[in-house]
Protein backbone atom coordinates (compact mmCIF):
# COMPACT_ATOMS: atom_id res chain seq x y z
CA MET A 1 -19.54 15.88 9.45
CA GLN A 2 -22.26 13.42 8.51
CA PRO A 3 -22.92 10.42 10.70
CA GLY A 4 -21.78 7.08 9.33
CA TYR A 5 -18.80 8.50 7.46
CA PRO A 6 -15.24 8.11 8.69
CA SER A 7 -13.55 11.24 9.97
CA HIS A 8 -10.49 10.63 7.83
CA PRO A 9 -9.93 9.03 4.43
CA PRO A 10 -8.84 5.39 4.52
CA GLN A 11 -5.12 4.77 4.58
CA GLN A 12 -3.42 3.46 1.49
CA ILE A 13 -1.08 0.58 2.23
CA ASP A 14 1.05 -1.01 -0.48
CA ASN A 15 0.33 -4.73 -0.48
CA ASN A 16 3.65 -5.57 -2.24
CA MET A 17 1.89 -7.95 -4.63
CA THR A 18 4.08 -6.93 -7.58
CA MET A 19 7.29 -7.66 -5.72
CA SER A 20 5.83 -10.97 -4.53
CA ILE A 21 4.96 -12.02 -8.08
CA VAL A 22 8.43 -11.09 -9.33
CA ALA A 23 9.93 -13.08 -6.46
CA ILE A 24 8.06 -16.21 -7.51
CA PHE A 25 10.22 -16.39 -10.65
CA LEU A 26 13.43 -16.25 -8.61
CA PHE A 27 12.72 -18.37 -5.51
CA TRP A 28 9.16 -19.67 -5.31
CA PRO A 29 9.29 -21.40 -1.88
CA LEU A 30 9.49 -18.03 -0.13
CA ALA A 31 7.40 -16.14 -2.65
CA ILE A 32 4.29 -18.20 -1.87
CA PRO A 33 3.98 -16.90 1.74
CA ALA A 34 4.68 -13.41 0.37
CA ILE A 35 1.76 -13.67 -2.07
CA MET A 36 -0.49 -15.08 0.64
CA ALA A 37 0.33 -12.18 2.98
CA ALA A 38 -0.10 -9.63 0.16
CA SER A 39 -3.52 -11.00 -0.67
CA LYS A 40 -4.70 -10.30 2.89
CA VAL A 41 -3.92 -6.57 2.83
CA ASN A 42 -6.82 -5.22 0.72
CA PRO A 43 -9.60 -7.17 2.51
CA LEU A 44 -8.23 -6.01 5.85
CA LEU A 45 -8.22 -2.41 4.62
CA GLN A 46 -11.82 -2.73 3.47
CA GLN A 47 -12.75 -3.99 6.92
CA GLY A 48 -11.04 -0.97 8.44
CA ASN A 49 -8.43 -3.07 10.21
CA TYR A 50 -5.42 -0.89 9.39
CA ALA A 51 -3.05 -2.38 11.97
CA GLU A 52 -3.43 -5.93 10.67
CA ALA A 53 -3.25 -4.69 7.08
CA GLN A 54 0.03 -2.96 7.87
CA THR A 55 1.32 -6.15 9.52
CA ALA A 56 0.34 -8.27 6.51
CA ALA A 57 2.03 -5.79 4.16
CA ALA A 58 5.22 -5.87 6.23
CA GLU A 59 5.12 -9.68 6.26
CA SER A 60 4.69 -9.74 2.48
CA LYS A 61 7.59 -7.34 2.01
CA LYS A 62 9.83 -9.41 4.30
CA TRP A 63 9.16 -12.69 2.44
CA SER A 64 9.46 -10.99 -0.96
CA LYS A 65 12.81 -9.41 -0.16
CA LEU A 66 14.15 -12.67 1.21
CA ALA A 67 12.98 -14.56 -1.88
CA LEU A 68 14.54 -11.94 -4.17
CA ILE A 69 17.87 -11.96 -2.34
CA ILE A 70 18.12 -15.75 -2.26
CA GLY A 71 16.94 -16.04 -5.87
CA ILE A 72 19.43 -13.49 -7.18
CA CYS A 73 22.25 -15.17 -5.23
CA LEU A 74 21.33 -18.58 -6.66
CA TRP A 75 21.21 -17.19 -10.19
CA ALA A 76 24.61 -15.54 -9.68
CA VAL A 77 26.16 -18.76 -8.35
CA SER A 78 24.67 -20.69 -11.27
CA LEU A 79 26.07 -18.19 -13.76
CA ILE A 80 29.51 -18.33 -12.16
CA CYS A 81 29.45 -22.15 -12.25
CA CYS A 82 28.48 -22.10 -15.93
CA VAL A 83 31.31 -19.71 -16.78
CA ILE A 84 33.83 -21.79 -14.83
CA SER A 85 32.59 -24.98 -16.51
CA PHE A 86 32.88 -23.34 -19.93
CA ILE A 87 36.44 -22.22 -19.20
CA ILE A 88 37.43 -25.67 -17.96
CA ASN A 89 35.93 -27.34 -21.02
CA MET A 90 37.69 -24.91 -23.36
CA ASN A 91 41.02 -25.60 -21.66
CA ALA A 92 40.42 -29.37 -21.82
CA ALA A 93 39.64 -29.15 -25.54
CA ASN A 94 42.91 -27.32 -26.20
CA VAL A 95 45.04 -29.99 -24.50
């Protein structure tokens, strides 16, 4: 082992940036903290701070999932409302 080299290869931690960017299209208020947390992961890994990098990745994943769930629910409710409105308008036109 040569001095100055780490004894093990650096850990790879998924920063969840892709999921955070997808979440911004569904519910942006929660996707912004997800992107901010995801952007902290790689610099922390480069500094060798694996615990904080793991925490930032978990934080990013939490905000992304929440944004995706809320966004999908809002889209579903909107779609249901549009279908109901269409049905009501079709019935009103037939009267």
